[in-house]
Amino acid sequence: MSSANPPGTPLPSPLQVAILVFDDVEALDLGGPYEVFTTASRMHLRLHPGATEPFRVTCVARSTAPVRARAGLRVLPDAAFADLASAPPPDVLIVPGGVVDAAAACPDTRAWVAQAATGAQITASVCTGAFILAAAGVLTHGPATTHWEDLADLRQQYPALEVQDNVRWVDRGALVTSAGISAGIDMSLHLVSRLAGAPLAQRTARQMDTPWNPQP
């Protein structure tokens, strides 16, 4: 799919959205994009009964054992890396943030992220998820952003990146990085707009009762 479809245009199949989950993931970095894409599908079907849902979301982890998010919330992944070994890559890969040191150091996680990103139309990070993308060799140079508290660390650890201050997200086409929590929601709405049209993104924001700012 190129950029955006006219509102209501039937899709041949749902776009597959994979969200990485790992121990110490920030719950809202995960939950924000999850809600945006699933709500967008629900709103599309409400407006166009019988149409194909635009997005199908899967939470992916090293295994399907419960993942303990930061602050203790437990998440049950839908699929393990091994389950998707022979599956097509996702259309959209979302890498949330949190306490990412262990995930960024995990060879299995880095390998899966790198493989998924290679075939994805769009790979996006929320907050410190940028560190996982960088560790996986997906984010190697050029403009990027992360949570304001971690900008200096991202610059220090990955000096080839042009780390941006005072932006909500940085859209490089196939690679998108965002700042923390609420910026990840805005970025996800931006991706809905890119992939399925601004009216659906606006309807999704209205349903979520969130004041979407479409400007980064």
N, C-alpha and C. Protein backbone atom coordinates (compact mmCIF):
# COMPACT_ATOMS: atom_id res chain seq x y z
N MET A 1 0.84 -1.18 0.00
CA MET A 1 0.00 0.00 0.00
C MET A 1 0.88 1.23 0.00
N SER A 2 0.52 2.25 -0.73
CA SER A 2 1.37 3.42 -0.85
C SER A 2 1.23 4.34 0.35
N SER A 3 0.36 5.32 0.29
CA SER A 3 0.28 6.25 1.41
C SER A 3 -1.04 6.12 2.12
N ALA A 4 -2.14 6.58 1.52
CA ALA A 4 -3.43 6.52 2.18
C ALA A 4 -4.48 6.08 1.18
N ASN A 5 -5.49 5.39 1.68
CA ASN A 5 -6.61 4.98 0.85
C ASN A 5 -7.74 5.96 1.03
N PRO A 6 -8.51 6.22 -0.04
CA PRO A 6 -9.71 7.04 0.16
C PRO A 6 -10.60 6.42 1.21
N PRO A 7 -11.23 7.24 2.08
CA PRO A 7 -12.07 6.69 3.15
C PRO A 7 -13.12 5.73 2.59
N GLY A 8 -13.23 4.58 3.21
CA GLY A 8 -14.23 3.60 2.81
C GLY A 8 -13.79 2.69 1.70
N THR A 9 -12.58 2.89 1.15
CA THR A 9 -12.10 2.01 0.08
C THR A 9 -11.88 0.61 0.64
N PRO A 10 -12.51 -0.41 0.04
CA PRO A 10 -12.30 -1.77 0.55
C PRO A 10 -10.83 -2.18 0.44
N LEU A 11 -10.32 -2.83 1.46
CA LEU A 11 -8.96 -3.32 1.44
C LEU A 11 -8.99 -4.81 1.11
N PRO A 12 -8.01 -5.29 0.34
CA PRO A 12 -8.01 -6.72 0.01
C PRO A 12 -7.83 -7.60 1.24
N SER A 13 -7.12 -7.11 2.24
CA SER A 13 -6.95 -7.83 3.49
C SER A 13 -6.49 -6.83 4.54
N PRO A 14 -6.68 -7.15 5.82
CA PRO A 14 -6.24 -6.20 6.85
C PRO A 14 -4.72 -6.04 6.84
N LEU A 15 -4.27 -4.85 7.15
CA LEU A 15 -2.85 -4.64 7.38
C LEU A 15 -2.48 -5.24 8.72
N GLN A 16 -1.43 -6.02 8.74
CA GLN A 16 -1.01 -6.70 9.96
C GLN A 16 -0.09 -5.77 10.76
N VAL A 17 -0.51 -5.47 11.98
CA VAL A 17 0.26 -4.61 12.88
C VAL A 17 0.82 -5.48 14.00
N ALA A 18 2.13 -5.56 14.09
CA ALA A 18 2.78 -6.33 15.16
C ALA A 18 3.36 -5.36 16.17
N ILE A 19 3.05 -5.57 17.44
CA ILE A 19 3.59 -4.75 18.52
C ILE A 19 4.47 -5.63 19.39
N LEU A 20 5.72 -5.26 19.52
CA LEU A 20 6.65 -6.00 20.38
C LEU A 20 6.28 -5.79 21.85
N VAL A 21 6.29 -6.88 22.61
CA VAL A 21 6.11 -6.77 24.05
C VAL A 21 7.28 -7.48 24.74
N PHE A 22 7.67 -6.96 25.88
CA PHE A 22 8.83 -7.48 26.60
C PHE A 22 8.70 -7.08 28.06
N ASP A 23 9.41 -7.78 28.94
CA ASP A 23 9.39 -7.42 30.35
C ASP A 23 9.86 -5.98 30.54
N ASP A 24 9.13 -5.24 31.38
CA ASP A 24 9.39 -3.84 31.68
C ASP A 24 9.00 -2.90 30.55
N VAL A 25 8.17 -3.37 29.60
CA VAL A 25 7.60 -2.45 28.61
C VAL A 25 6.72 -1.44 29.34
N GLU A 26 6.71 -0.20 28.86
CA GLU A 26 5.81 0.82 29.40
C GLU A 26 4.41 0.50 28.93
N ALA A 27 3.48 0.32 29.87
CA ALA A 27 2.15 -0.17 29.52
C ALA A 27 1.45 0.72 28.50
N LEU A 28 1.55 2.04 28.64
CA LEU A 28 0.87 2.92 27.71
C LEU A 28 1.60 3.07 26.38
N ASP A 29 2.90 2.82 26.36
CA ASP A 29 3.61 2.77 25.07
C ASP A 29 3.08 1.62 24.23
N LEU A 30 2.71 0.54 24.90
CA LEU A 30 2.08 -0.61 24.24
C LEU A 30 0.60 -0.37 24.01
N GLY A 31 -0.10 0.04 25.08
CA GLY A 31 -1.55 0.16 25.02
C GLY A 31 -2.03 1.28 24.12
N GLY A 32 -1.27 2.39 24.04
CA GLY A 32 -1.70 3.50 23.19
C GLY A 32 -1.83 3.11 21.74
N PRO A 33 -0.74 2.63 21.10
CA PRO A 33 -0.87 2.17 19.72
C PRO A 33 -1.88 1.03 19.54
N TYR A 34 -1.92 0.12 20.50
CA TYR A 34 -2.90 -0.98 20.41
C TYR A 34 -4.32 -0.42 20.31
N GLU A 35 -4.65 0.53 21.18
CA GLU A 35 -5.99 1.12 21.17
C GLU A 35 -6.24 1.88 19.88
N VAL A 36 -5.24 2.60 19.39
CA VAL A 36 -5.45 3.39 18.17
C VAL A 36 -5.80 2.48 16.99
N PHE A 37 -4.99 1.45 16.77
CA PHE A 37 -5.22 0.61 15.59
C PHE A 37 -6.48 -0.25 15.72
N THR A 38 -6.75 -0.76 16.91
CA THR A 38 -7.96 -1.57 17.08
C THR A 38 -9.22 -0.69 17.04
N THR A 39 -9.13 0.50 17.60
CA THR A 39 -10.28 1.41 17.53
C THR A 39 -10.52 1.88 16.11
N ALA A 40 -9.44 2.12 15.36
CA ALA A 40 -9.60 2.50 13.96
C ALA A 40 -10.33 1.41 13.18
N SER A 41 -10.00 0.16 13.42
CA SER A 41 -10.71 -0.93 12.75
C SER A 41 -12.18 -0.96 13.15
N ARG A 42 -12.43 -0.78 14.44
CA ARG A 42 -13.82 -0.79 14.91
C ARG A 42 -14.63 0.35 14.29
N MET A 43 -14.03 1.55 14.22
CA MET A 43 -14.73 2.69 13.64
C MET A 43 -14.98 2.49 12.14
N HIS A 44 -14.00 1.91 11.45
CA HIS A 44 -14.18 1.65 10.03
C HIS A 44 -15.35 0.70 9.79
N LEU A 45 -15.41 -0.36 10.59
CA LEU A 45 -16.50 -1.32 10.42
C LEU A 45 -17.84 -0.73 10.83
N ARG A 46 -17.83 0.18 11.79
CA ARG A 46 -19.08 0.83 12.18
C ARG A 46 -19.60 1.71 11.04
N LEU A 47 -18.68 2.38 10.36
CA LEU A 47 -19.06 3.26 9.27
C LEU A 47 -19.34 2.49 7.99
N HIS A 48 -18.70 1.33 7.85
CA HIS A 48 -18.83 0.54 6.61
C HIS A 48 -19.08 -0.92 6.97
N PRO A 49 -20.31 -1.25 7.40
CA PRO A 49 -20.60 -2.63 7.78
C PRO A 49 -20.31 -3.60 6.63
N GLY A 50 -19.67 -4.70 6.98
CA GLY A 50 -19.35 -5.70 5.98
C GLY A 50 -18.04 -5.45 5.26
N ALA A 51 -17.41 -4.32 5.51
CA ALA A 51 -16.12 -4.04 4.87
C ALA A 51 -15.01 -4.85 5.55
N THR A 52 -13.85 -4.84 4.95
CA THR A 52 -12.68 -5.48 5.56
C THR A 52 -12.09 -4.55 6.60
N GLU A 53 -11.78 -5.08 7.77
CA GLU A 53 -11.14 -4.24 8.78
C GLU A 53 -9.78 -3.78 8.27
N PRO A 54 -9.42 -2.52 8.51
CA PRO A 54 -8.16 -2.03 7.95
C PRO A 54 -6.92 -2.54 8.67
N PHE A 55 -7.04 -2.89 9.97
CA PHE A 55 -5.86 -3.29 10.75
C PHE A 55 -6.20 -4.51 11.61
N ARG A 56 -5.22 -5.38 11.74
CA ARG A 56 -5.31 -6.50 12.67
C ARG A 56 -4.05 -6.49 13.51
N VAL A 57 -4.19 -6.43 14.83
CA VAL A 57 -3.07 -6.20 15.73
C VAL A 57 -2.68 -7.48 16.46
N THR A 58 -1.39 -7.75 16.51
CA THR A 58 -0.85 -8.90 17.22
C THR A 58 0.27 -8.43 18.14
N CYS A 59 0.22 -8.85 19.39
CA CYS A 59 1.30 -8.57 20.34
C CYS A 59 2.28 -9.75 20.32
N VAL A 60 3.55 -9.47 20.09
CA VAL A 60 4.54 -10.51 19.85
C VAL A 60 5.66 -10.40 20.88
N ALA A 61 6.08 -11.55 21.42
CA ALA A 61 7.14 -11.57 22.43
C ALA A 61 8.04 -12.78 22.19
N ARG A 62 9.07 -12.93 23.02
CA ARG A 62 9.96 -14.08 22.89
C ARG A 62 9.21 -15.38 23.06
N SER A 63 8.23 -15.40 23.96
CA SER A 63 7.39 -16.58 24.16
C SER A 63 5.99 -16.09 24.47
N THR A 64 5.06 -17.00 24.58
CA THR A 64 3.69 -16.61 24.91
C THR A 64 3.44 -16.62 26.42
N ALA A 65 4.48 -16.77 27.21
CA ALA A 65 4.34 -16.65 28.66
C ALA A 65 3.97 -15.21 29.02
N PRO A 66 3.30 -15.00 30.15
CA PRO A 66 2.94 -13.63 30.53
C PRO A 66 4.17 -12.73 30.62
N VAL A 67 4.02 -11.52 30.13
CA VAL A 67 5.05 -10.49 30.21
C VAL A 67 4.64 -9.51 31.31
N ARG A 68 5.58 -9.16 32.16
CA ARG A 68 5.29 -8.19 33.22
C ARG A 68 5.75 -6.81 32.77
N ALA A 69 4.77 -5.94 32.51
CA ALA A 69 5.09 -4.58 32.09
C ALA A 69 5.65 -3.79 33.25
N ARG A 70 6.21 -2.66 32.94
CA ARG A 70 6.72 -1.77 33.98
C ARG A 70 5.58 -1.45 34.94
N ALA A 71 5.88 -1.48 36.23
CA ALA A 71 4.90 -1.25 37.29
C ALA A 71 4.02 -2.46 37.56
N GLY A 72 4.24 -3.59 36.82
CA GLY A 72 3.63 -4.84 37.23
C GLY A 72 2.46 -5.36 36.43
N LEU A 73 1.90 -4.57 35.50
CA LEU A 73 0.78 -5.06 34.70
C LEU A 73 1.21 -6.27 33.88
N ARG A 74 0.40 -7.33 33.89
CA ARG A 74 0.73 -8.53 33.13
C ARG A 74 0.03 -8.50 31.78
N VAL A 75 0.79 -8.89 30.76
CA VAL A 75 0.30 -8.91 29.39
C VAL A 75 0.50 -10.30 28.83
N LEU A 76 -0.52 -10.83 28.15
CA LEU A 76 -0.41 -12.13 27.50
C LEU A 76 -0.14 -11.93 26.01
N PRO A 77 1.05 -12.21 25.53
CA PRO A 77 1.34 -12.05 24.10
C PRO A 77 0.46 -12.98 23.25
N ASP A 78 0.17 -12.53 22.05
CA ASP A 78 -0.61 -13.35 21.12
C ASP A 78 0.26 -14.39 20.42
N ALA A 79 1.52 -14.07 20.21
CA ALA A 79 2.39 -14.96 19.45
C ALA A 79 3.83 -14.81 19.93
N ALA A 80 4.59 -15.86 19.75
CA ALA A 80 6.03 -15.84 20.04
C ALA A 80 6.80 -15.66 18.74
N PHE A 81 8.05 -15.23 18.86
CA PHE A 81 8.88 -15.06 17.68
C PHE A 81 8.86 -16.33 16.82
N ALA A 82 9.00 -17.48 17.48
CA ALA A 82 9.08 -18.74 16.73
C ALA A 82 7.79 -19.03 15.97
N ASP A 83 6.66 -18.60 16.52
CA ASP A 83 5.38 -18.84 15.86
C ASP A 83 5.30 -18.13 14.52
N LEU A 84 6.05 -17.06 14.37
CA LEU A 84 5.96 -16.24 13.16
C LEU A 84 7.14 -16.46 12.22
N ALA A 85 7.93 -17.47 12.50
CA ALA A 85 9.15 -17.69 11.72
C ALA A 85 8.86 -17.89 10.23
N SER A 86 7.76 -18.56 9.92
CA SER A 86 7.43 -18.81 8.52
C SER A 86 6.30 -17.92 8.01
N ALA A 87 5.86 -16.97 8.83
CA ALA A 87 4.77 -16.08 8.44
C ALA A 87 5.32 -14.88 7.68
N PRO A 88 4.50 -14.24 6.85
CA PRO A 88 4.95 -13.01 6.19
C PRO A 88 5.26 -11.94 7.24
N PRO A 89 6.13 -11.02 6.94
CA PRO A 89 6.43 -9.95 7.90
C PRO A 89 5.22 -9.07 8.11
N PRO A 90 5.12 -8.39 9.25
CA PRO A 90 4.00 -7.49 9.45
C PRO A 90 4.08 -6.31 8.49
N ASP A 91 2.93 -5.71 8.23
CA ASP A 91 2.91 -4.48 7.44
C ASP A 91 3.42 -3.31 8.26
N VAL A 92 3.08 -3.32 9.55
CA VAL A 92 3.50 -2.26 10.46
C VAL A 92 4.09 -2.92 11.70
N LEU A 93 5.29 -2.50 12.07
CA LEU A 93 5.94 -2.97 13.29
C LEU A 93 6.04 -1.81 14.26
N ILE A 94 5.52 -2.01 15.47
CA ILE A 94 5.58 -1.00 16.53
C ILE A 94 6.47 -1.54 17.65
N VAL A 95 7.48 -0.75 18.03
CA VAL A 95 8.38 -1.12 19.12
C VAL A 95 8.20 -0.10 20.24
N PRO A 96 7.51 -0.47 21.31
CA PRO A 96 7.30 0.46 22.41
C PRO A 96 8.54 0.60 23.28
N GLY A 97 8.47 1.54 24.22
CA GLY A 97 9.57 1.77 25.13
C GLY A 97 9.30 1.23 26.51
N GLY A 98 10.02 1.75 27.47
CA GLY A 98 9.98 1.30 28.84
C GLY A 98 11.40 1.18 29.34
N VAL A 99 11.66 0.21 30.17
CA VAL A 99 13.03 -0.11 30.56
C VAL A 99 13.53 -1.14 29.55
N VAL A 100 14.33 -0.68 28.60
CA VAL A 100 14.60 -1.49 27.41
C VAL A 100 15.96 -2.16 27.41
N ASP A 101 16.75 -2.01 28.46
CA ASP A 101 18.11 -2.54 28.44
C ASP A 101 18.15 -4.03 28.12
N ALA A 102 17.33 -4.82 28.81
CA ALA A 102 17.36 -6.27 28.61
C ALA A 102 16.85 -6.64 27.22
N ALA A 103 15.78 -5.98 26.78
CA ALA A 103 15.25 -6.28 25.45
C ALA A 103 16.24 -5.91 24.36
N ALA A 104 16.90 -4.76 24.51
CA ALA A 104 17.87 -4.32 23.51
C ALA A 104 19.10 -5.23 23.48
N ALA A 105 19.41 -5.86 24.61
CA ALA A 105 20.57 -6.75 24.68
C ALA A 105 20.24 -8.18 24.28
N CYS A 106 18.96 -8.51 24.11
CA CYS A 106 18.54 -9.88 23.83
C CYS A 106 18.75 -10.22 22.36
N PRO A 107 19.60 -11.21 22.04
CA PRO A 107 19.83 -11.55 20.63
C PRO A 107 18.56 -11.96 19.89
N ASP A 108 17.69 -12.71 20.55
CA ASP A 108 16.45 -13.15 19.89
C ASP A 108 15.56 -11.95 19.55
N THR A 109 15.47 -11.01 20.49
CA THR A 109 14.64 -9.83 20.25
C THR A 109 15.22 -8.99 19.13
N ARG A 110 16.52 -8.76 19.18
CA ARG A 110 17.15 -7.97 18.12
C ARG A 110 16.96 -8.63 16.75
N ALA A 111 17.13 -9.94 16.71
CA ALA A 111 17.00 -10.65 15.43
C ALA A 111 15.59 -10.56 14.88
N TRP A 112 14.59 -10.75 15.76
CA TRP A 112 13.21 -10.70 15.28
C TRP A 112 12.85 -9.29 14.82
N VAL A 113 13.25 -8.29 15.58
CA VAL A 113 12.95 -6.91 15.20
C VAL A 113 13.58 -6.58 13.85
N ALA A 114 14.84 -6.97 13.68
CA ALA A 114 15.52 -6.71 12.41
C ALA A 114 14.83 -7.39 11.25
N GLN A 115 14.44 -8.66 11.45
CA GLN A 115 13.78 -9.40 10.37
C GLN A 115 12.42 -8.80 10.06
N ALA A 116 11.63 -8.49 11.09
CA ALA A 116 10.30 -7.92 10.87
C ALA A 116 10.38 -6.56 10.19
N ALA A 117 11.35 -5.75 10.61
CA ALA A 117 11.49 -4.42 10.04
C ALA A 117 11.89 -4.47 8.57
N THR A 118 12.67 -5.49 8.21
CA THR A 118 13.12 -5.61 6.82
C THR A 118 11.95 -5.74 5.86
N GLY A 119 10.90 -6.44 6.29
CA GLY A 119 9.76 -6.64 5.40
C GLY A 119 8.59 -5.73 5.64
N ALA A 120 8.64 -4.92 6.69
CA ALA A 120 7.50 -4.06 7.04
C ALA A 120 7.44 -2.83 6.15
N GLN A 121 6.21 -2.37 5.88
CA GLN A 121 6.05 -1.09 5.20
C GLN A 121 6.51 0.05 6.09
N ILE A 122 6.15 -0.05 7.38
CA ILE A 122 6.49 1.00 8.34
C ILE A 122 6.97 0.33 9.62
N THR A 123 8.09 0.80 10.13
CA THR A 123 8.58 0.42 11.44
C THR A 123 8.59 1.67 12.30
N ALA A 124 7.99 1.57 13.49
CA ALA A 124 7.85 2.76 14.34
C ALA A 124 8.22 2.41 15.78
N SER A 125 8.80 3.38 16.46
CA SER A 125 9.09 3.21 17.88
C SER A 125 8.38 4.27 18.69
N VAL A 126 8.09 3.92 19.93
CA VAL A 126 7.56 4.85 20.91
C VAL A 126 8.59 4.99 22.01
N CYS A 127 8.91 6.23 22.37
CA CYS A 127 9.76 6.49 23.52
C CYS A 127 11.11 5.78 23.36
N THR A 128 11.53 5.04 24.38
CA THR A 128 12.84 4.38 24.35
C THR A 128 12.86 3.14 23.46
N GLY A 129 11.77 2.84 22.79
CA GLY A 129 11.80 1.80 21.77
C GLY A 129 12.82 2.11 20.69
N ALA A 130 13.19 3.39 20.55
CA ALA A 130 14.22 3.77 19.58
C ALA A 130 15.54 3.07 19.88
N PHE A 131 15.84 2.83 21.17
CA PHE A 131 17.08 2.14 21.53
C PHE A 131 17.06 0.70 21.04
N ILE A 132 15.89 0.06 21.08
CA ILE A 132 15.78 -1.32 20.57
C ILE A 132 15.98 -1.33 19.06
N LEU A 133 15.37 -0.38 18.36
CA LEU A 133 15.57 -0.31 16.92
C LEU A 133 17.04 -0.08 16.58
N ALA A 134 17.70 0.78 17.35
CA ALA A 134 19.11 1.05 17.10
C ALA A 134 19.97 -0.18 17.40
N ALA A 135 19.68 -0.87 18.50
CA ALA A 135 20.43 -2.07 18.86
C ALA A 135 20.25 -3.17 17.83
N ALA A 136 19.08 -3.20 17.19
CA ALA A 136 18.80 -4.22 16.18
C ALA A 136 19.36 -3.86 14.81
N GLY A 137 19.97 -2.68 14.69
CA GLY A 137 20.52 -2.27 13.41
C GLY A 137 19.49 -1.73 12.45
N VAL A 138 18.30 -1.42 12.94
CA VAL A 138 17.24 -0.88 12.09
C VAL A 138 17.36 0.64 12.01
N LEU A 139 17.64 1.27 13.13
CA LEU A 139 17.80 2.72 13.21
C LEU A 139 19.31 2.99 13.32
N THR A 140 19.92 3.39 12.23
CA THR A 140 21.38 3.49 12.18
C THR A 140 21.90 4.90 11.98
N HIS A 141 21.11 5.75 11.35
CA HIS A 141 21.56 7.10 11.04
C HIS A 141 20.34 7.96 10.74
N GLY A 142 20.59 9.27 10.59
CA GLY A 142 19.52 10.17 10.21
C GLY A 142 18.70 10.63 11.41
N PRO A 143 17.64 11.42 11.14
CA PRO A 143 16.85 12.00 12.22
C PRO A 143 16.03 10.97 12.98
N ALA A 144 15.91 11.19 14.28
CA ALA A 144 15.13 10.30 15.16
C ALA A 144 14.83 11.06 16.44
N THR A 145 13.90 10.53 17.22
CA THR A 145 13.63 11.12 18.53
C THR A 145 13.24 10.03 19.51
N THR A 146 13.13 10.42 20.77
CA THR A 146 12.74 9.52 21.85
C THR A 146 12.19 10.38 22.99
N HIS A 147 11.93 9.79 24.12
CA HIS A 147 11.46 10.54 25.28
C HIS A 147 12.48 11.62 25.64
N TRP A 148 12.00 12.79 26.05
CA TRP A 148 12.91 13.92 26.32
C TRP A 148 14.00 13.58 27.32
N GLU A 149 13.68 12.69 28.26
CA GLU A 149 14.65 12.35 29.30
C GLU A 149 15.80 11.50 28.78
N ASP A 150 15.61 10.91 27.60
CA ASP A 150 16.58 9.96 27.06
C ASP A 150 17.28 10.46 25.80
N LEU A 151 17.03 11.71 25.43
CA LEU A 151 17.64 12.25 24.21
C LEU A 151 19.16 12.23 24.28
N ALA A 152 19.72 12.66 25.41
CA ALA A 152 21.17 12.71 25.53
C ALA A 152 21.79 11.32 25.45
N ASP A 153 21.15 10.34 26.08
CA ASP A 153 21.67 8.97 26.02
C ASP A 153 21.63 8.43 24.60
N LEU A 154 20.56 8.72 23.87
CA LEU A 154 20.46 8.24 22.50
C LEU A 154 21.57 8.86 21.65
N ARG A 155 21.82 10.15 21.85
CA ARG A 155 22.91 10.82 21.12
C ARG A 155 24.26 10.18 21.45
N GLN A 156 24.48 9.92 22.74
CA GLN A 156 25.77 9.40 23.17
C GLN A 156 26.00 7.98 22.66
N GLN A 157 24.97 7.14 22.76
CA GLN A 157 25.15 5.75 22.38
C GLN A 157 25.16 5.54 20.88
N TYR A 158 24.45 6.40 20.15
CA TYR A 158 24.34 6.23 18.69
C TYR A 158 24.62 7.57 18.01
N PRO A 159 25.89 7.97 17.96
CA PRO A 159 26.24 9.31 17.48
C PRO A 159 25.94 9.55 16.00
N ALA A 160 25.70 8.50 15.23
CA ALA A 160 25.34 8.70 13.82
C ALA A 160 23.91 9.19 13.65
N LEU A 161 23.10 9.10 14.71
CA LEU A 161 21.72 9.58 14.65
C LEU A 161 21.68 11.09 14.81
N GLU A 162 20.75 11.72 14.14
CA GLU A 162 20.47 13.14 14.30
C GLU A 162 19.27 13.25 15.25
N VAL A 163 19.55 13.24 16.54
CA VAL A 163 18.48 13.17 17.54
C VAL A 163 17.80 14.53 17.65
N GLN A 164 16.48 14.52 17.49
CA GLN A 164 15.69 15.74 17.43
C GLN A 164 15.05 16.06 18.78
N ASP A 165 15.17 17.33 19.19
CA ASP A 165 14.51 17.83 20.39
C ASP A 165 13.17 18.46 20.03
N ASN A 166 12.28 18.51 21.01
CA ASN A 166 11.05 19.30 20.89
C ASN A 166 10.19 18.90 19.69
N VAL A 167 10.14 17.61 19.38
CA VAL A 167 9.22 17.11 18.36
C VAL A 167 8.45 15.94 18.95
N ARG A 168 7.25 15.73 18.45
CA ARG A 168 6.42 14.62 18.92
C ARG A 168 6.81 13.33 18.22
N TRP A 169 7.08 13.42 16.93
CA TRP A 169 7.56 12.26 16.20
C TRP A 169 8.36 12.73 14.98
N VAL A 170 9.13 11.81 14.45
CA VAL A 170 9.91 12.04 13.24
C VAL A 170 9.51 10.98 12.23
N ASP A 171 8.96 11.40 11.10
CA ASP A 171 8.48 10.47 10.07
C ASP A 171 9.46 10.49 8.90
N ARG A 172 10.13 9.37 8.70
CA ARG A 172 11.06 9.22 7.58
C ARG A 172 10.51 8.28 6.51
N GLY A 173 9.20 8.12 6.50
CA GLY A 173 8.58 7.23 5.53
C GLY A 173 8.44 5.83 6.08
N ALA A 174 9.43 5.00 5.82
CA ALA A 174 9.37 3.62 6.30
C ALA A 174 9.81 3.49 7.76
N LEU A 175 10.37 4.56 8.33
CA LEU A 175 10.88 4.52 9.69
C LEU A 175 10.38 5.75 10.44
N VAL A 176 9.68 5.51 11.55
CA VAL A 176 9.07 6.60 12.32
C VAL A 176 9.45 6.40 13.79
N THR A 177 9.90 7.47 14.44
CA THR A 177 10.20 7.41 15.87
C THR A 177 9.41 8.49 16.57
N SER A 178 9.01 8.22 17.82
CA SER A 178 8.23 9.20 18.55
C SER A 178 8.77 9.39 19.96
N ALA A 179 8.34 10.46 20.59
CA ALA A 179 8.62 10.69 22.00
C ALA A 179 7.72 9.79 22.85
N GLY A 180 7.51 10.15 24.10
CA GLY A 180 6.86 9.23 25.03
C GLY A 180 5.33 9.22 24.98
N ILE A 181 4.78 8.17 25.55
CA ILE A 181 3.37 7.86 25.78
C ILE A 181 2.38 8.60 24.88
N SER A 182 2.02 9.85 25.21
CA SER A 182 0.98 10.53 24.43
C SER A 182 1.46 10.82 23.01
N ALA A 183 2.76 11.05 22.85
CA ALA A 183 3.30 11.24 21.50
C ALA A 183 3.16 9.96 20.69
N GLY A 184 3.27 8.81 21.35
CA GLY A 184 3.07 7.54 20.65
C GLY A 184 1.65 7.37 20.17
N ILE A 185 0.69 7.89 20.92
CA ILE A 185 -0.71 7.86 20.47
C ILE A 185 -0.88 8.77 19.27
N ASP A 186 -0.35 9.99 19.35
CA ASP A 186 -0.43 10.91 18.21
C ASP A 186 0.24 10.31 16.98
N MET A 187 1.41 9.71 17.16
CA MET A 187 2.11 9.09 16.04
C MET A 187 1.27 7.97 15.43
N SER A 188 0.64 7.16 16.28
CA SER A 188 -0.17 6.05 15.77
C SER A 188 -1.36 6.57 14.98
N LEU A 189 -1.98 7.65 15.45
CA LEU A 189 -3.06 8.27 14.68
C LEU A 189 -2.53 8.80 13.35
N HIS A 190 -1.33 9.35 13.37
CA HIS A 190 -0.69 9.80 12.13
C HIS A 190 -0.51 8.62 11.17
N LEU A 191 -0.13 7.47 11.68
CA LEU A 191 0.04 6.30 10.82
C LEU A 191 -1.30 5.82 10.27
N VAL A 192 -2.34 5.87 11.09
CA VAL A 192 -3.68 5.55 10.58
C VAL A 192 -4.04 6.49 9.44
N SER A 193 -3.74 7.77 9.62
CA SER A 193 -4.02 8.75 8.57
C SER A 193 -3.26 8.42 7.29
N ARG A 194 -1.98 8.07 7.43
CA ARG A 194 -1.18 7.72 6.26
C ARG A 194 -1.73 6.50 5.54
N LEU A 195 -2.14 5.50 6.30
CA LEU A 195 -2.48 4.21 5.72
C LEU A 195 -3.95 4.07 5.34
N ALA A 196 -4.82 4.78 6.03
CA ALA A 196 -6.26 4.59 5.80
C ALA A 196 -7.03 5.90 5.69
N GLY A 197 -6.34 7.02 5.70
CA GLY A 197 -6.99 8.30 5.48
C GLY A 197 -7.22 9.11 6.74
N ALA A 198 -7.12 10.44 6.60
CA ALA A 198 -7.28 11.33 7.74
C ALA A 198 -8.67 11.25 8.38
N PRO A 199 -9.76 11.08 7.61
CA PRO A 199 -11.07 10.99 8.28
C PRO A 199 -11.15 9.84 9.29
N LEU A 200 -10.56 8.70 8.97
CA LEU A 200 -10.60 7.59 9.92
C LEU A 200 -9.74 7.91 11.14
N ALA A 201 -8.60 8.55 10.95
CA ALA A 201 -7.78 8.95 12.10
C ALA A 201 -8.53 9.93 12.99
N GLN A 202 -9.21 10.88 12.38
CA GLN A 202 -9.98 11.86 13.16
C GLN A 202 -11.13 11.18 13.90
N ARG A 203 -11.79 10.25 13.25
CA ARG A 203 -12.90 9.53 13.90
C ARG A 203 -12.37 8.68 15.04
N THR A 204 -11.22 8.09 14.85
CA THR A 204 -10.60 7.28 15.90
C THR A 204 -10.24 8.13 17.11
N ALA A 205 -9.63 9.29 16.87
CA ALA A 205 -9.28 10.19 17.97
C ALA A 205 -10.52 10.64 18.72
N ARG A 206 -11.57 10.92 17.98
CA ARG A 206 -12.83 11.34 18.62
C ARG A 206 -13.39 10.22 19.49
N GLN A 207 -13.36 8.99 18.98
CA GLN A 207 -13.86 7.86 19.76
C GLN A 207 -13.04 7.65 21.02
N MET A 208 -11.74 7.84 20.90
CA MET A 208 -10.85 7.69 22.07
C MET A 208 -10.87 8.90 22.98
N ASP A 209 -11.57 9.94 22.55
CA ASP A 209 -11.66 11.18 23.33
C ASP A 209 -10.27 11.72 23.64
N THR A 210 -9.42 11.67 22.61
CA THR A 210 -8.06 12.21 22.77
C THR A 210 -7.88 13.37 21.80
N PRO A 211 -7.28 14.46 22.22
CA PRO A 211 -7.10 15.62 21.33
C PRO A 211 -5.92 15.42 20.41
N TRP A 212 -6.15 14.78 19.27
CA TRP A 212 -5.08 14.48 18.34
C TRP A 212 -4.51 15.75 17.72
N ASN A 213 -3.19 15.89 17.82
CA ASN A 213 -2.48 16.96 17.14
C ASN A 213 -1.76 16.34 15.95
N PRO A 214 -2.22 16.58 14.72
CA PRO A 214 -1.62 15.91 13.56
C PRO A 214 -0.27 16.47 13.16
N GLN A 215 0.22 17.50 13.85
CA GLN A 215 1.51 18.07 13.54
C GLN A 215 2.57 17.52 14.51
N PRO A 216 3.72 17.11 13.98
CA PRO A 216 4.74 16.54 14.87
C PRO A 216 5.41 17.57 15.75
